[in-house]
Amino acid sequence: MFCMREIRNSAVVLCAVFGSLFLITGNANARTFTYSSYLSASSPANVGIQAFIDHVQKETDGKIKIELYGAGTLTTGKTTVTAIRDGLVDGGFAPSVYTPSIMPVNMVISNMLFFNEDEKITAAAVTDTILNDCPSCLEEFKNLNIHFLAPLVTSPYYMMCAKSFPNGFDPHGLRVRVPGEELGRWVKELGGAPISIANSETYQALQRNALDCAIGSKVWLHTLSWQEVIKTVVNMPTGGYQGGALLDLSESEWKGLDDGTKEIFRKASMYGLAAATYAYDDTAAVANAREKYKVKFIDAPEKILEKRKEFLRSEEANTVKKAKKQGVRNPEKIADAFKKNLQKWQALIGNKNLTQKEYAELLIKEIL
């Protein structure tokens, strides 16, 4: 139990209680956990968190309640990990990329973002790798007081530009908003200029010609209204976010759960992962952008596709090299396990048109 006080002129003006609470009425074993997300309710991440919460509460007959505080009410992307570690919240979306220095092992997977060409396959592979093939990943989470259950994996990112390319896509000289240094290196490799600004500022930057392009998920055409300023989308997967802990519980609280409740949490996390992953489906966003806003979707030239293959190989080597410098033992084994799991899930899913429920049940069967 944590009590946060703000003291001004020696007077206590605020006292808020966070952490797990024992409910006095109804059931002595009932509990309420606080869960934090810095994202909005409509984000795919929070869709997944809510599905996870609903499943836990339903399967425990309401004996366990999880209160979700979204939109950065309690923590930011950078502070969630330490908030869980210090017991200020019981769980929350803890993205690895915001705290790379304290999560170097898990960053091995996050830095292999260019291998994400299908969010369903990648989400399964990342989860499988962390839970079953990377004990050091789990140990790293545990040392931060986080009991990992499932990651977040976005749909692949694409280059989306506020200009047309009548003679074919030419990235040379383009000013491109990038969500991370790995994608910055890719833009430089293409001859462009990577620019780091907040996602919330990207729309206006594109509108005012301060940016030529932005790299992101196609669902942002709709959710961030980029379809209003984007003219061209290049049909070439360009990485994506993967890893961290979307679904978790503090290790100290996890230890207090009985085996049956732990199993409910594990299965609920697969339903939550499935919900988040399917929320990234871009079919409707693409159709609306194409039909209503006349956004063009074009293919990348063959020479750029070949450059992408070369970059993929170099990024794996860079990832391993960086991890070793940060003291990660045998990072190449983590990278190899992840690639192996990508192949495994490609075979399991392939082009199957699985429903969200079928996908969740397959995750449960193959991973838990």
Protein backbone atom coordinates (compact mmCIF):
# COMPACT_ATOMS: atom_id res chain seq x y z
CA MET A 1 0.00 0.00 0.00
CA PHE A 2 1.40 3.37 -0.98
CA CYS A 3 0.27 6.78 0.17
CA MET A 4 1.43 9.76 -1.88
CA ARG A 5 1.35 13.15 -0.22
CA GLU A 6 1.95 16.61 -1.50
CA ILE A 7 2.86 18.94 1.31
CA ARG A 8 2.60 22.71 1.00
CA ASN A 9 3.07 25.12 3.95
CA SER A 10 3.29 22.08 6.22
CA ALA A 11 -0.27 21.05 5.29
CA VAL A 12 -1.16 17.79 3.63
CA VAL A 13 -3.28 18.63 0.60
CA LEU A 14 -3.35 15.29 -1.22
CA CYS A 15 -3.28 11.68 -0.19
CA ALA A 16 -4.05 8.96 -2.75
CA VAL A 17 -3.80 5.26 -2.15
CA PHE A 18 -2.47 3.05 -4.94
CA GLY A 19 -1.49 -0.60 -5.04
CA SER A 20 -3.48 -3.71 -4.25
CA LEU A 21 -6.34 -3.31 -1.81
CA PHE A 22 -8.16 -5.94 0.18
CA LEU A 23 -11.91 -5.49 -0.13
CA ILE A 24 -13.60 -5.68 3.22
CA THR A 25 -17.11 -6.36 2.01
CA GLY A 26 -18.38 -9.40 0.13
CA ASN A 27 -15.31 -11.63 0.23
CA ALA A 28 -12.25 -11.53 2.44
CA ASN A 29 -10.11 -12.89 -0.40
CA ALA A 30 -11.31 -10.36 -2.97
CA ARG A 31 -8.71 -7.93 -4.23
CA THR A 32 -8.39 -4.87 -6.41
CA PHE A 33 -5.27 -4.14 -8.45
CA THR A 34 -4.30 -0.83 -10.07
CA TYR A 35 -3.15 -0.94 -13.69
CA SER A 36 -1.56 1.93 -15.56
CA SER A 37 -1.29 2.81 -19.25
CA TYR A 38 -0.04 6.06 -20.73
CA LEU A 39 -2.16 5.48 -23.87
CA SER A 40 -5.77 6.40 -24.60
CA ALA A 41 -8.72 4.02 -24.31
CA SER A 42 -9.02 3.73 -28.11
CA SER A 43 -5.42 2.59 -28.61
CA PRO A 44 -4.92 -1.08 -29.57
CA ALA A 45 -2.76 -1.50 -26.47
CA ASN A 46 -5.57 -0.43 -24.16
CA VAL A 47 -8.07 -2.55 -26.09
CA GLY A 48 -5.85 -5.51 -25.21
CA ILE A 49 -5.48 -4.47 -21.58
CA GLN A 50 -9.24 -4.12 -21.19
CA ALA A 51 -9.83 -7.57 -22.71
CA PHE A 52 -7.30 -8.99 -20.26
CA ILE A 53 -9.03 -7.26 -17.33
CA ASP A 54 -12.50 -8.39 -18.41
CA HIS A 55 -11.36 -12.01 -18.67
CA VAL A 56 -9.71 -12.01 -15.24
CA GLN A 57 -12.72 -10.44 -13.57
CA LYS A 58 -15.14 -12.78 -15.29
CA GLU A 59 -13.19 -15.97 -14.56
CA THR A 60 -12.67 -15.02 -10.90
CA ASP A 61 -16.38 -14.15 -10.50
CA GLY A 62 -15.41 -10.62 -9.63
CA LYS A 63 -13.24 -11.63 -6.68
CA ILE A 64 -10.35 -9.92 -8.42
CA LYS A 65 -10.89 -6.48 -9.86
CA ILE A 66 -8.39 -4.54 -11.92
CA GLU A 67 -8.78 -0.78 -12.19
CA LEU A 68 -7.29 0.63 -15.39
CA TYR A 69 -5.93 4.17 -15.29
CA GLY A 70 -5.27 5.25 -18.87
CA ALA A 71 -4.03 8.30 -20.75
CA GLY A 72 -1.07 8.73 -18.42
CA THR A 73 -3.22 9.33 -15.34
CA LEU A 74 -0.74 7.55 -13.06
CA THR A 75 2.43 6.98 -15.09
CA THR A 76 4.09 7.82 -18.38
CA GLY A 77 5.73 5.40 -20.80
CA LYS A 78 9.07 6.15 -19.16
CA THR A 79 7.92 5.81 -15.53
CA THR A 80 5.69 2.73 -15.61
CA VAL A 81 8.54 0.26 -15.09
CA THR A 82 9.86 2.04 -12.01
CA ALA A 83 6.32 2.56 -10.68
CA ILE A 84 5.74 -1.21 -10.76
CA ARG A 85 9.19 -1.86 -9.33
CA ASP A 86 8.57 0.51 -6.44
CA GLY A 87 5.04 -0.74 -5.74
CA LEU A 88 3.24 2.45 -6.79
CA VAL A 89 1.04 0.47 -9.17
CA ASP A 90 0.34 -3.26 -9.42
CA GLY A 91 0.82 -3.53 -13.17
CA GLY A 92 0.95 -1.53 -16.35
CA PHE A 93 2.08 -1.24 -19.95
CA ALA A 94 5.86 -1.17 -19.63
CA PRO A 95 7.44 -0.58 -23.07
CA SER A 96 11.07 -1.63 -23.27
CA VAL A 97 12.09 1.17 -25.64
CA TYR A 98 11.48 3.86 -23.01
CA THR A 99 13.81 2.20 -20.50
CA PRO A 100 16.45 0.42 -22.63
CA SER A 101 19.24 0.84 -20.10
CA ILE A 102 17.45 -1.26 -17.47
CA MET A 103 15.98 -3.76 -19.94
CA PRO A 104 18.95 -4.60 -22.22
CA VAL A 105 18.07 -8.30 -22.48
CA ASN A 106 14.52 -7.68 -23.66
CA MET A 107 15.79 -4.95 -25.97
CA VAL A 108 17.45 -7.68 -28.05
CA ILE A 109 13.96 -8.66 -29.22
CA SER A 110 12.65 -5.10 -29.43
CA ASN A 111 15.62 -4.07 -31.60
CA MET A 112 14.87 -6.79 -34.14
CA LEU A 113 11.84 -4.81 -35.24
CA PHE A 114 12.59 -5.14 -38.95
CA PHE A 115 11.61 -8.82 -38.74
CA ASN A 116 8.01 -7.77 -38.09
CA GLU A 117 6.18 -8.29 -41.36
CA ASP A 118 2.93 -9.62 -39.87
CA GLU A 119 1.72 -8.60 -36.41
CA LYS A 120 -0.07 -11.89 -35.66
CA ILE A 121 2.97 -14.02 -36.44
CA THR A 122 5.36 -11.62 -34.72
CA ALA A 123 3.23 -11.23 -31.58
CA ALA A 124 3.10 -15.00 -31.16
CA ALA A 125 6.84 -15.36 -31.81
CA VAL A 126 7.84 -12.62 -29.36
CA THR A 127 5.62 -14.10 -26.64
CA ASP A 128 6.85 -17.63 -27.29
CA THR A 129 10.47 -16.50 -27.18
CA ILE A 130 10.20 -14.56 -23.92
CA LEU A 131 8.12 -17.15 -22.05
CA ASN A 132 9.75 -20.33 -23.31
CA ASP A 133 13.18 -19.61 -24.79
CA CYS A 134 14.61 -16.67 -22.89
CA PRO A 135 14.92 -17.28 -19.15
CA SER A 136 17.16 -14.20 -18.90
CA CYS A 137 14.30 -12.10 -20.33
CA LEU A 138 12.01 -13.28 -17.56
CA GLU A 139 14.73 -12.84 -14.95
CA GLU A 140 15.24 -9.25 -16.07
CA PHE A 141 11.54 -8.55 -15.62
CA LYS A 142 11.55 -10.30 -12.25
CA ASN A 143 14.45 -8.14 -11.05
CA LEU A 144 12.24 -5.13 -11.84
CA ASN A 145 9.40 -6.66 -9.78
CA ILE A 146 7.47 -7.42 -12.98
CA HIS A 147 5.86 -10.78 -13.66
CA PHE A 148 5.68 -10.76 -17.46
CA LEU A 149 2.58 -12.20 -19.12
CA ALA A 150 2.43 -10.81 -22.68
CA PRO A 151 4.09 -8.13 -24.87
CA LEU A 152 2.76 -5.54 -27.26
CA VAL A 153 3.44 -5.97 -30.97
CA THR A 154 2.19 -3.35 -33.39
CA SER A 155 1.33 -3.97 -37.00
CA PRO A 156 4.31 -3.35 -39.33
CA TYR A 157 5.22 0.27 -39.93
CA TYR A 158 5.20 1.82 -43.39
CA MET A 159 6.56 4.98 -45.00
CA MET A 160 3.63 7.39 -45.44
CA CYS A 161 4.25 10.61 -47.33
CA ALA A 162 2.49 13.94 -47.84
CA LYS A 163 3.55 13.99 -51.49
CA SER A 164 3.08 12.02 -54.69
CA PHE A 165 5.69 10.05 -56.61
CA PRO A 166 4.57 10.00 -60.27
CA ASN A 167 7.93 8.57 -61.36
CA GLY A 168 8.12 5.94 -58.61
CA PHE A 169 9.13 6.15 -54.96
CA ASP A 170 12.36 8.04 -54.40
CA PRO A 171 13.34 8.49 -50.72
CA HIS A 172 16.45 10.61 -51.34
CA GLY A 173 16.33 13.85 -49.37
CA LEU A 174 12.99 13.15 -47.70
CA ARG A 175 12.47 14.48 -44.17
CA VAL A 176 10.97 11.55 -42.30
CA ARG A 177 9.57 11.33 -38.79
CA VAL A 178 11.00 8.15 -37.20
CA PRO A 179 9.91 6.38 -33.99
CA GLY A 180 13.34 5.21 -32.85
CA GLU A 181 17.03 5.19 -33.72
CA GLU A 182 16.90 1.90 -35.67
CA LEU A 183 14.41 3.41 -38.10
CA GLY A 184 16.54 6.53 -38.18
CA ARG A 185 19.43 4.45 -39.49
CA TRP A 186 17.15 2.96 -42.13
CA VAL A 187 16.06 6.40 -43.34
CA LYS A 188 19.71 7.48 -43.55
CA GLU A 189 20.47 4.31 -45.50
CA LEU A 190 17.82 5.40 -48.00
CA GLY A 191 19.34 8.86 -48.29
CA GLY A 192 16.66 10.58 -46.24
CA ALA A 193 16.83 12.77 -43.14
CA PRO A 194 15.37 11.20 -39.97
CA ILE A 195 13.52 13.58 -37.68
CA SER A 196 12.46 12.80 -34.12
CA ILE A 197 9.30 14.57 -32.97
CA ALA A 198 6.32 13.47 -30.89
CA ASN A 199 3.68 11.45 -32.68
CA SER A 200 1.12 14.02 -31.57
CA GLU A 201 2.98 16.70 -33.54
CA THR A 202 3.34 14.71 -36.76
CA TYR A 203 -0.01 15.62 -38.34
CA GLN A 204 0.70 19.35 -38.23
CA ALA A 205 4.29 18.87 -39.36
CA LEU A 206 3.10 16.99 -42.43
CA GLN A 207 0.35 19.53 -43.04
CA ARG A 208 2.76 22.48 -42.83
CA ASN A 209 5.42 20.83 -45.00
CA ALA A 210 7.87 20.57 -42.12
CA LEU A 211 7.94 16.82 -42.82
CA ASP A 212 7.72 14.94 -46.08
CA CYS A 213 6.89 11.55 -44.59
CA ALA A 214 6.31 9.66 -41.37
CA ILE A 215 6.88 6.03 -40.47
CA GLY A 216 4.09 4.30 -38.61
CA SER A 217 1.22 1.84 -38.60
CA LYS A 218 -1.41 2.12 -41.33
CA VAL A 219 -4.11 2.18 -38.64
CA TRP A 220 -2.82 5.67 -37.80
CA LEU A 221 -4.26 6.84 -41.11
CA HIS A 222 -7.59 6.63 -39.29
CA THR A 223 -6.82 6.84 -35.55
CA LEU A 224 -4.49 9.85 -35.94
CA SER A 225 -6.31 11.27 -39.00
CA TRP A 226 -3.16 11.07 -41.11
CA GLN A 227 -5.33 10.18 -44.10
CA GLU A 228 -6.15 13.89 -44.31
CA VAL A 229 -2.54 14.87 -45.01
CA ILE A 230 -0.99 11.71 -46.47
CA LYS A 231 -0.97 11.23 -50.25
CA THR A 232 1.18 8.13 -50.66
CA VAL A 233 1.87 4.96 -48.66
CA VAL A 234 4.79 2.76 -49.68
CA ASN A 235 3.89 -0.94 -49.47
CA MET A 236 7.09 -2.10 -47.76
CA PRO A 237 7.16 -3.24 -44.11
CA THR A 238 9.52 -1.00 -42.18
CA GLY A 239 9.76 -2.48 -38.71
CA GLY A 240 7.30 -1.97 -35.87
CA TYR A 241 7.27 -1.96 -32.10
CA GLN A 242 7.62 -5.31 -30.35
CA GLY A 243 8.33 -6.43 -26.84
CA GLY A 244 8.12 -4.93 -23.39
CA ALA A 245 5.30 -5.96 -21.08
CA LEU A 246 1.81 -4.98 -22.16
CA LEU A 247 0.26 -7.40 -19.68
CA ASP A 248 1.86 -8.16 -16.34
CA LEU A 249 1.52 -8.01 -12.58
CA SER A 250 4.04 -6.98 -9.99
CA GLU A 251 6.09 -9.97 -8.89
CA SER A 252 5.32 -9.24 -5.24
CA GLU A 253 1.56 -9.44 -5.93
CA TRP A 254 1.94 -12.44 -8.24
CA LYS A 255 3.48 -14.47 -5.42
CA GLY A 256 0.32 -13.98 -3.38
CA LEU A 257 -1.98 -15.58 -5.98
CA ASP A 258 -2.95 -19.24 -5.77
CA ASP A 259 -2.16 -21.58 -8.68
CA GLY A 260 -5.69 -21.49 -10.07
CA THR A 261 -5.75 -17.70 -10.17
CA LYS A 262 -2.32 -17.58 -11.77
CA GLU A 263 -3.60 -19.85 -14.54
CA ILE A 264 -6.56 -17.50 -15.08
CA PHE A 265 -4.14 -14.58 -15.45
CA ARG A 266 -1.97 -16.50 -17.92
CA LYS A 267 -4.90 -17.42 -20.16
CA ALA A 268 -6.39 -13.94 -19.84
CA SER A 269 -3.11 -12.50 -21.09
CA MET A 270 -3.40 -14.50 -24.32
CA TYR A 271 -6.93 -13.17 -24.87
CA GLY A 272 -5.61 -9.67 -24.17
CA LEU A 273 -2.69 -10.12 -26.55
CA ALA A 274 -5.07 -11.35 -29.24
CA ALA A 275 -7.37 -8.35 -28.72
CA ALA A 276 -4.49 -5.86 -28.98
CA THR A 277 -3.05 -7.59 -32.04
CA TYR A 278 -6.38 -7.73 -33.87
CA ALA A 279 -7.04 -4.09 -33.00
CA TYR A 280 -4.07 -3.31 -35.26
CA ASP A 281 -5.88 -4.73 -38.29
CA ASP A 282 -5.58 -1.98 -40.90
CA THR A 283 -8.09 -3.26 -43.48
CA ALA A 284 -10.76 -0.67 -42.74
CA ALA A 285 -8.26 2.19 -42.36
CA VAL A 286 -6.64 1.39 -45.70
CA ALA A 287 -9.97 1.06 -47.51
CA ASN A 288 -11.22 4.39 -46.12
CA ALA A 289 -7.97 6.20 -46.96
CA ARG A 290 -7.98 4.83 -50.48
CA GLU A 291 -11.66 5.37 -51.26
CA LYS A 292 -12.54 8.57 -49.38
CA TYR A 293 -9.22 10.40 -49.33
CA LYS A 294 -7.71 9.01 -52.54
CA VAL A 295 -4.47 7.99 -50.80
CA LYS A 296 -2.28 6.00 -53.18
CA PHE A 297 -0.55 2.78 -52.13
CA ILE A 298 2.55 2.10 -54.23
CA ASP A 299 5.27 -0.54 -54.29
CA ALA A 300 8.89 0.18 -53.51
CA PRO A 301 11.46 -0.19 -56.32
CA GLU A 302 13.36 -3.48 -56.44
CA LYS A 303 16.64 -1.80 -55.52
CA ILE A 304 15.12 -0.53 -52.26
CA LEU A 305 13.71 -3.98 -51.47
CA GLU A 306 17.19 -5.41 -51.91
CA LYS A 307 18.61 -2.69 -49.69
CA ARG A 308 16.03 -3.66 -47.06
CA LYS A 309 17.28 -7.27 -47.09
CA GLU A 310 20.85 -6.07 -46.54
CA PHE A 311 19.74 -3.75 -43.76
CA LEU A 312 17.86 -6.62 -42.06
CA ARG A 313 21.06 -8.64 -41.83
CA SER A 314 23.10 -5.70 -40.58
CA GLU A 315 20.51 -4.80 -37.94
CA GLU A 316 20.67 -8.27 -36.42
CA ALA A 317 24.44 -7.97 -36.16
CA ASN A 318 24.16 -4.47 -34.68
CA THR A 319 21.59 -5.68 -32.16
CA VAL A 320 23.84 -8.49 -30.94
CA LYS A 321 26.88 -6.19 -30.80
CA LYS A 322 25.00 -3.53 -28.82
CA ALA A 323 23.62 -6.11 -26.38
CA LYS A 324 27.08 -7.52 -25.69
CA LYS A 325 28.38 -4.03 -24.92
CA GLN A 326 25.55 -3.68 -22.40
CA GLY A 327 26.56 -6.91 -20.69
CA VAL A 328 23.90 -9.24 -22.13
CA ARG A 329 25.18 -12.82 -22.21
CA ASN A 330 24.69 -14.77 -25.45
CA PRO A 331 22.33 -12.29 -27.16
CA GLU A 332 22.76 -14.24 -30.41
CA LYS A 333 20.86 -17.13 -28.80
CA ILE A 334 17.92 -14.83 -28.08
CA ALA A 335 17.99 -13.54 -31.65
CA ASP A 336 18.17 -17.07 -33.06
CA ALA A 337 15.29 -18.26 -30.86
CA PHE A 338 13.16 -15.34 -32.03
CA LYS A 339 13.85 -16.08 -35.70
CA LYS A 340 13.11 -19.77 -35.13
CA ASN A 341 9.80 -18.87 -33.51
CA LEU A 342 8.92 -16.62 -36.43
CA GLN A 343 9.30 -19.64 -38.70
CA LYS A 344 7.28 -21.80 -36.30
CA TRP A 345 4.37 -19.35 -36.20
CA GLN A 346 4.51 -18.72 -39.92
CA ALA A 347 3.87 -22.45 -40.33
CA LEU A 348 1.14 -22.48 -37.68
CA ILE A 349 -0.71 -19.40 -38.93
CA GLY A 350 0.44 -18.82 -42.49
CA ASN A 351 -2.43 -17.38 -44.47
CA LYS A 352 -5.10 -18.89 -42.23
CA ASN A 353 -7.96 -16.50 -41.59
CA LEU A 354 -8.17 -17.11 -37.84
CA THR A 355 -10.77 -15.34 -35.75
CA GLN A 356 -9.52 -13.44 -32.72
CA LYS A 357 -10.81 -16.21 -30.44
CA GLU A 358 -9.17 -18.92 -32.54
CA TYR A 359 -5.90 -16.99 -32.45
CA ALA A 360 -6.08 -16.63 -28.65
CA GLU A 361 -6.80 -20.32 -28.21
CA LEU A 362 -3.87 -21.22 -30.46
CA LEU A 363 -1.59 -19.03 -28.35
CA ILE A 364 -2.80 -20.80 -25.21
CA LYS A 365 -2.28 -24.24 -26.74
CA GLU A 366 1.18 -23.60 -28.16
CA ILE A 367 2.73 -21.24 -25.62
CA LEU A 368 1.30 -21.81 -22.14
